[in-house]
Amino acid sequence: MGKTKPAPRTMATAAVVLLALSACGVPAASTHSGAPTPTAACPSAGTEPLPTNCVPYDGDAAMAANETYRQRGKLSSDVQAELNQHIAPAVEALQKLPRPATADTVTAAFNGLHLKEVQTDDGGTGVRFGVAVPSGGCLYGFVPDQGDVTVQAGGGIMDGGCLEMFGH
């Protein structure tokens, strides 16, 4: 039997893999007076010596910055005051819901208050919600399977919308 040639796609894939592997482990050429080019970021408290290939960073500060997407925007006192007027009607409508509430019943309660942009998250112990108010800002809170409803008013989150999601 004769030899078979590899398919062109196989050859292209092999070429890309070889090219990628040839770059691994080879330090980049330094463009300045013999100092090695950093190849890694290393957490540092600022007191310990670091390898020369590291760029130090504050791990705690990086983690705190990673959570900024959850922060709520600031509202003017006028917008906040107008937004606060929606809290009592929202609490009243949500307290009337049969328990355990569902995402659909929470959405329907807000639709009954003429608030249409509702985000919900049912985590198994109740329904979290975030609702955009047309005049500006958000209502957000929790309808637990048992107990009192909580409703707060504030700005939208930096990630967009009114309901902060956990775990992303």
C-alpha atoms as a PDB file:
ATOM      1  CA  MET A   1       0.000   0.000   0.000  1.00  0.00           C
ATOM      2  CA  GLY A   2       1.081   3.516  -0.725  1.00  0.00           C
ATOM      3  CA  LYS A   3       1.494   6.377   1.680  1.00  0.00           C
ATOM      4  CA  THR A   4      -1.416   8.755   2.216  1.00  0.00           C
ATOM      5  CA  LYS A   5      -0.980  12.496   2.449  1.00  0.00           C
ATOM      6  CA  PRO A   6      -2.414  14.329   5.462  1.00  0.00           C
ATOM      7  CA  ALA A   7      -5.392  16.542   4.715  1.00  0.00           C
ATOM      8  CA  PRO A   8      -4.579  20.255   4.157  1.00  0.00           C
ATOM      9  CA  ARG A   9      -6.620  21.192   7.240  1.00  0.00           C
ATOM     10  CA  THR A  10      -4.531  18.820   9.373  1.00  0.00           C
ATOM     11  CA  MET A  11      -1.336  20.353   8.042  1.00  0.00           C
ATOM     12  CA  ALA A  12      -2.597  23.881   8.757  1.00  0.00           C
ATOM     13  CA  THR A  13      -3.570  22.927  12.304  1.00  0.00           C
ATOM     14  CA  ALA A  14      -0.181  21.327  12.900  1.00  0.00           C
ATOM     15  CA  ALA A  15       1.580  24.439  11.597  1.00  0.00           C
ATOM     16  CA  VAL A  16      -0.390  26.703  13.954  1.00  0.00           C
ATOM     17  CA  VAL A  17       0.318  24.436  16.942  1.00  0.00           C
ATOM     18  CA  LEU A  18       4.039  24.291  16.137  1.00  0.00           C
ATOM     19  CA  LEU A  19       4.203  28.043  15.731  1.00  0.00           C
ATOM     20  CA  ALA A  20       2.453  28.566  19.068  1.00  0.00           C
ATOM     21  CA  LEU A  21       4.694  26.058  20.840  1.00  0.00           C
ATOM     22  CA  SER A  22       7.846  27.576  19.398  1.00  0.00           C
ATOM     23  CA  ALA A  23       6.999  30.866  21.126  1.00  0.00           C
ATOM     24  CA  CYS A  24       6.458  29.219  24.536  1.00  0.00           C
ATOM     25  CA  GLY A  25       9.230  29.579  27.033  1.00  0.00           C
ATOM     26  CA  VAL A  26      11.253  32.007  24.949  1.00  0.00           C
ATOM     27  CA  PRO A  27      11.676  35.279  26.804  1.00  0.00           C
ATOM     28  CA  ALA A  28      10.862  38.372  24.819  1.00  0.00           C
ATOM     29  CA  ALA A  29      13.787  40.444  23.731  1.00  0.00           C
ATOM     30  CA  SER A  30      14.384  43.329  26.038  1.00  0.00           C
ATOM     31  CA  THR A  31      14.353  46.770  24.491  1.00  0.00           C
ATOM     32  CA  HIS A  32      15.993  48.517  27.403  1.00  0.00           C
ATOM     33  CA  SER A  33      19.385  48.198  29.080  1.00  0.00           C
ATOM     34  CA  GLY A  34      19.450  44.507  29.902  1.00  0.00           C
ATOM     35  CA  ALA A  35      16.428  44.457  32.222  1.00  0.00           C
ATOM     36  CA  PRO A  36      14.234  41.413  31.585  1.00  0.00           C
ATOM     37  CA  THR A  37      10.766  41.972  30.190  1.00  0.00           C
ATOM     38  CA  PRO A  38       8.093  41.017  32.752  1.00  0.00           C
ATOM     39  CA  THR A  39       6.252  37.851  31.775  1.00  0.00           C
ATOM     40  CA  ALA A  40       3.898  37.484  34.768  1.00  0.00           C
ATOM     41  CA  ALA A  41       1.837  39.435  37.255  1.00  0.00           C
ATOM     42  CA  CYS A  42       2.647  38.551  40.849  1.00  0.00           C
ATOM     43  CA  PRO A  43       0.545  39.468  43.895  1.00  0.00           C
ATOM     44  CA  SER A  44       2.550  41.549  46.301  1.00  0.00           C
ATOM     45  CA  ALA A  45       2.091  43.232  49.639  1.00  0.00           C
ATOM     46  CA  GLY A  46       4.995  45.486  48.731  1.00  0.00           C
ATOM     47  CA  THR A  47       7.356  44.096  51.371  1.00  0.00           C
ATOM     48  CA  GLU A  48       8.774  40.945  49.770  1.00  0.00           C
ATOM     49  CA  PRO A  49      11.246  40.755  46.903  1.00  0.00           C
ATOM     50  CA  LEU A  50       9.762  39.623  43.597  1.00  0.00           C
ATOM     51  CA  PRO A  51      11.334  37.704  40.751  1.00  0.00           C
ATOM     52  CA  THR A  52      12.603  39.975  37.987  1.00  0.00           C
ATOM     53  CA  ASN A  53      10.034  38.666  35.506  1.00  0.00           C
ATOM     54  CA  CYS A  54       7.066  39.884  37.618  1.00  0.00           C
ATOM     55  CA  VAL A  55       4.936  42.972  37.617  1.00  0.00           C
ATOM     56  CA  PRO A  56       3.604  43.423  41.167  1.00  0.00           C
ATOM     57  CA  TYR A  57      -0.082  44.016  41.838  1.00  0.00           C
ATOM     58  CA  ASP A  58      -2.235  44.316  44.946  1.00  0.00           C
ATOM     59  CA  GLY A  59      -4.509  41.256  44.910  1.00  0.00           C
ATOM     60  CA  ASP A  60      -6.966  42.695  47.460  1.00  0.00           C
ATOM     61  CA  ALA A  61      -7.339  45.915  45.471  1.00  0.00           C
ATOM     62  CA  ALA A  62      -7.843  43.927  42.264  1.00  0.00           C
ATOM     63  CA  MET A  63     -10.613  41.851  43.859  1.00  0.00           C
ATOM     64  CA  ALA A  64     -12.329  44.982  45.176  1.00  0.00           C
ATOM     65  CA  ALA A  65     -12.155  46.594  41.741  1.00  0.00           C
ATOM     66  CA  ASN A  66     -13.635  43.432  40.242  1.00  0.00           C
ATOM     67  CA  GLU A  67     -16.800  44.014  42.279  1.00  0.00           C
ATOM     68  CA  THR A  68     -17.433  47.562  41.010  1.00  0.00           C
ATOM     69  CA  TYR A  69     -19.972  46.273  38.487  1.00  0.00           C
ATOM     70  CA  ARG A  70     -22.348  45.796  41.439  1.00  0.00           C
ATOM     71  CA  GLN A  71     -22.179  49.409  42.588  1.00  0.00           C
ATOM     72  CA  ARG A  72     -25.236  51.571  42.080  1.00  0.00           C
ATOM     73  CA  GLY A  73     -25.097  54.892  40.299  1.00  0.00           C
ATOM     74  CA  LYS A  74     -25.690  58.088  42.255  1.00  0.00           C
ATOM     75  CA  LEU A  75     -28.985  59.930  41.836  1.00  0.00           C
ATOM     76  CA  SER A  76     -29.807  63.567  42.405  1.00  0.00           C
ATOM     77  CA  SER A  77     -31.789  64.263  45.562  1.00  0.00           C
ATOM     78  CA  ASP A  78     -34.839  65.185  43.428  1.00  0.00           C
ATOM     79  CA  VAL A  79     -34.791  61.899  41.502  1.00  0.00           C
ATOM     80  CA  GLN A  80     -34.188  59.945  44.735  1.00  0.00           C
ATOM     81  CA  ALA A  81     -37.127  61.685  46.428  1.00  0.00           C
ATOM     82  CA  GLU A  82     -39.431  60.904  43.502  1.00  0.00           C
ATOM     83  CA  LEU A  83     -38.190  57.330  43.402  1.00  0.00           C
ATOM     84  CA  ASN A  84     -38.820  56.874  47.134  1.00  0.00           C
ATOM     85  CA  GLN A  85     -42.526  57.565  46.510  1.00  0.00           C
ATOM     86  CA  HIS A  86     -42.742  54.215  44.682  1.00  0.00           C
ATOM     87  CA  ILE A  87     -41.562  52.162  47.669  1.00  0.00           C
ATOM     88  CA  ALA A  88     -44.776  52.017  49.725  1.00  0.00           C
ATOM     89  CA  PRO A  89     -47.038  51.011  46.792  1.00  0.00           C
ATOM     90  CA  ALA A  90     -44.495  48.365  45.753  1.00  0.00           C
ATOM     91  CA  VAL A  91     -44.293  46.895  49.266  1.00  0.00           C
ATOM     92  CA  GLU A  92     -48.096  46.821  49.486  1.00  0.00           C
ATOM     93  CA  ALA A  93     -48.483  45.065  46.113  1.00  0.00           C
ATOM     94  CA  LEU A  94     -45.751  42.532  46.859  1.00  0.00           C
ATOM     95  CA  GLN A  95     -47.001  41.745  50.387  1.00  0.00           C
ATOM     96  CA  LYS A  96     -50.348  40.722  48.855  1.00  0.00           C
ATOM     97  CA  LEU A  97     -48.746  38.031  46.687  1.00  0.00           C
ATOM     98  CA  PRO A  98     -49.407  34.401  47.631  1.00  0.00           C
ATOM     99  CA  ARG A  99     -46.276  32.717  48.974  1.00  0.00           C
ATOM    100  CA  PRO A 100     -44.043  31.381  47.721  1.00  0.00           C
ATOM    101  CA  ALA A 101     -44.027  34.125  45.108  1.00  0.00           C
ATOM    102  CA  THR A 102     -42.777  33.401  41.600  1.00  0.00           C
ATOM    103  CA  ALA A 103     -40.954  35.552  39.101  1.00  0.00           C
ATOM    104  CA  ASP A 104     -44.214  35.823  37.132  1.00  0.00           C
ATOM    105  CA  THR A 105     -46.291  36.996  40.111  1.00  0.00           C
ATOM    106  CA  VAL A 106     -43.652  39.562  41.093  1.00  0.00           C
ATOM    107  CA  THR A 107     -43.539  40.865  37.509  1.00  0.00           C
ATOM    108  CA  ALA A 108     -47.359  41.022  37.423  1.00  0.00           C
ATOM    109  CA  ALA A 109     -47.407  43.004  40.687  1.00  0.00           C
ATOM    110  CA  PHE A 110     -45.078  45.622  39.216  1.00  0.00           C
ATOM    111  CA  ASN A 111     -46.972  45.681  35.928  1.00  0.00           C
ATOM    112  CA  GLY A 112     -50.069  46.494  37.999  1.00  0.00           C
ATOM    113  CA  LEU A 113     -48.151  49.558  39.236  1.00  0.00           C
ATOM    114  CA  HIS A 114     -47.409  50.517  35.603  1.00  0.00           C
ATOM    115  CA  LEU A 115     -43.757  49.493  35.947  1.00  0.00           C
ATOM    116  CA  LYS A 116     -42.843  47.304  32.991  1.00  0.00           C
ATOM    117  CA  GLU A 117     -39.049  46.834  33.043  1.00  0.00           C
ATOM    118  CA  VAL A 118     -38.793  44.095  35.664  1.00  0.00           C
ATOM    119  CA  GLN A 119     -35.833  41.769  36.192  1.00  0.00           C
ATOM    120  CA  THR A 120     -36.191  38.799  38.556  1.00  0.00           C
ATOM    121  CA  ASP A 121     -34.085  36.012  39.990  1.00  0.00           C
ATOM    122  CA  ASP A 122     -35.633  33.105  41.901  1.00  0.00           C
ATOM    123  CA  GLY A 123     -32.905  31.664  44.075  1.00  0.00           C
ATOM    124  CA  GLY A 124     -35.058  29.039  45.778  1.00  0.00           C
ATOM    125  CA  THR A 125     -35.783  31.000  48.965  1.00  0.00           C
ATOM    126  CA  GLY A 126     -37.670  33.834  47.324  1.00  0.00           C
ATOM    127  CA  VAL A 127     -37.571  36.178  44.368  1.00  0.00           C
ATOM    128  CA  ARG A 128     -35.061  39.005  44.020  1.00  0.00           C
ATOM    129  CA  PHE A 129     -36.131  41.814  41.723  1.00  0.00           C
ATOM    130  CA  GLY A 130     -34.941  44.994  40.079  1.00  0.00           C
ATOM    131  CA  VAL A 131     -37.360  47.386  38.380  1.00  0.00           C
ATOM    132  CA  ALA A 132     -36.558  50.407  36.238  1.00  0.00           C
ATOM    133  CA  VAL A 133     -38.728  53.411  37.049  1.00  0.00           C
ATOM    134  CA  PRO A 134     -39.455  55.637  34.009  1.00  0.00           C
ATOM    135  CA  SER A 135     -38.639  58.858  35.884  1.00  0.00           C
ATOM    136  CA  GLY A 136     -35.177  57.471  36.683  1.00  0.00           C
ATOM    137  CA  GLY A 137     -33.589  54.988  39.022  1.00  0.00           C
ATOM    138  CA  CYS A 138     -34.571  51.557  40.235  1.00  0.00           C
ATOM    139  CA  LEU A 139     -36.582  49.728  42.828  1.00  0.00           C
ATOM    140  CA  TYR A 140     -34.886  46.560  44.011  1.00  0.00           C
ATOM    141  CA  GLY A 141     -35.352  44.048  46.765  1.00  0.00           C
ATOM    142  CA  PHE A 142     -36.574  40.616  47.777  1.00  0.00           C
ATOM    143  CA  VAL A 143     -39.843  38.752  48.194  1.00  0.00           C
ATOM    144  CA  PRO A 144     -38.948  35.885  50.553  1.00  0.00           C
ATOM    145  CA  ASP A 145     -40.915  32.652  50.673  1.00  0.00           C
ATOM    146  CA  GLN A 146     -41.776  33.635  54.244  1.00  0.00           C
ATOM    147  CA  GLY A 147     -41.442  36.968  55.987  1.00  0.00           C
ATOM    148  CA  ASP A 148     -41.482  40.609  55.047  1.00  0.00           C
ATOM    149  CA  VAL A 149     -40.837  42.020  51.603  1.00  0.00           C
ATOM    150  CA  THR A 150     -37.926  44.446  51.221  1.00  0.00           C
ATOM    151  CA  VAL A 151     -37.935  47.252  48.655  1.00  0.00           C
ATOM    152  CA  GLN A 152     -35.163  49.824  48.228  1.00  0.00           C
ATOM    153  CA  ALA A 153     -34.715  52.668  45.782  1.00  0.00           C
ATOM    154  CA  GLY A 154     -31.495  53.765  44.106  1.00  0.00           C
ATOM    155  CA  GLY A 155     -29.567  54.105  40.897  1.00  0.00           C
ATOM    156  CA  GLY A 156     -28.948  51.416  38.321  1.00  0.00           C
ATOM    157  CA  ILE A 157     -25.954  49.137  38.705  1.00  0.00           C
ATOM    158  CA  MET A 158     -22.770  49.734  36.737  1.00  0.00           C
ATOM    159  CA  ASP A 159     -23.260  46.402  34.957  1.00  0.00           C
ATOM    160  CA  GLY A 160     -26.520  47.718  33.514  1.00  0.00           C
ATOM    161  CA  GLY A 161     -30.086  47.255  34.666  1.00  0.00           C
ATOM    162  CA  CYS A 162     -31.447  47.270  38.177  1.00  0.00           C
ATOM    163  CA  LEU A 163     -30.858  43.725  39.461  1.00  0.00           C
ATOM    164  CA  GLU A 164     -27.342  42.818  40.464  1.00  0.00           C
ATOM    165  CA  MET A 165     -26.535  39.245  39.604  1.00  0.00           C
ATOM    166  CA  PHE A 166     -24.375  37.143  41.858  1.00  0.00           C
ATOM    167  CA  GLY A 167     -21.471  35.128  40.613  1.00  0.00           C
ATOM    168  CA  HIS A 168     -20.410  37.043  37.543  1.00  0.00           C
END
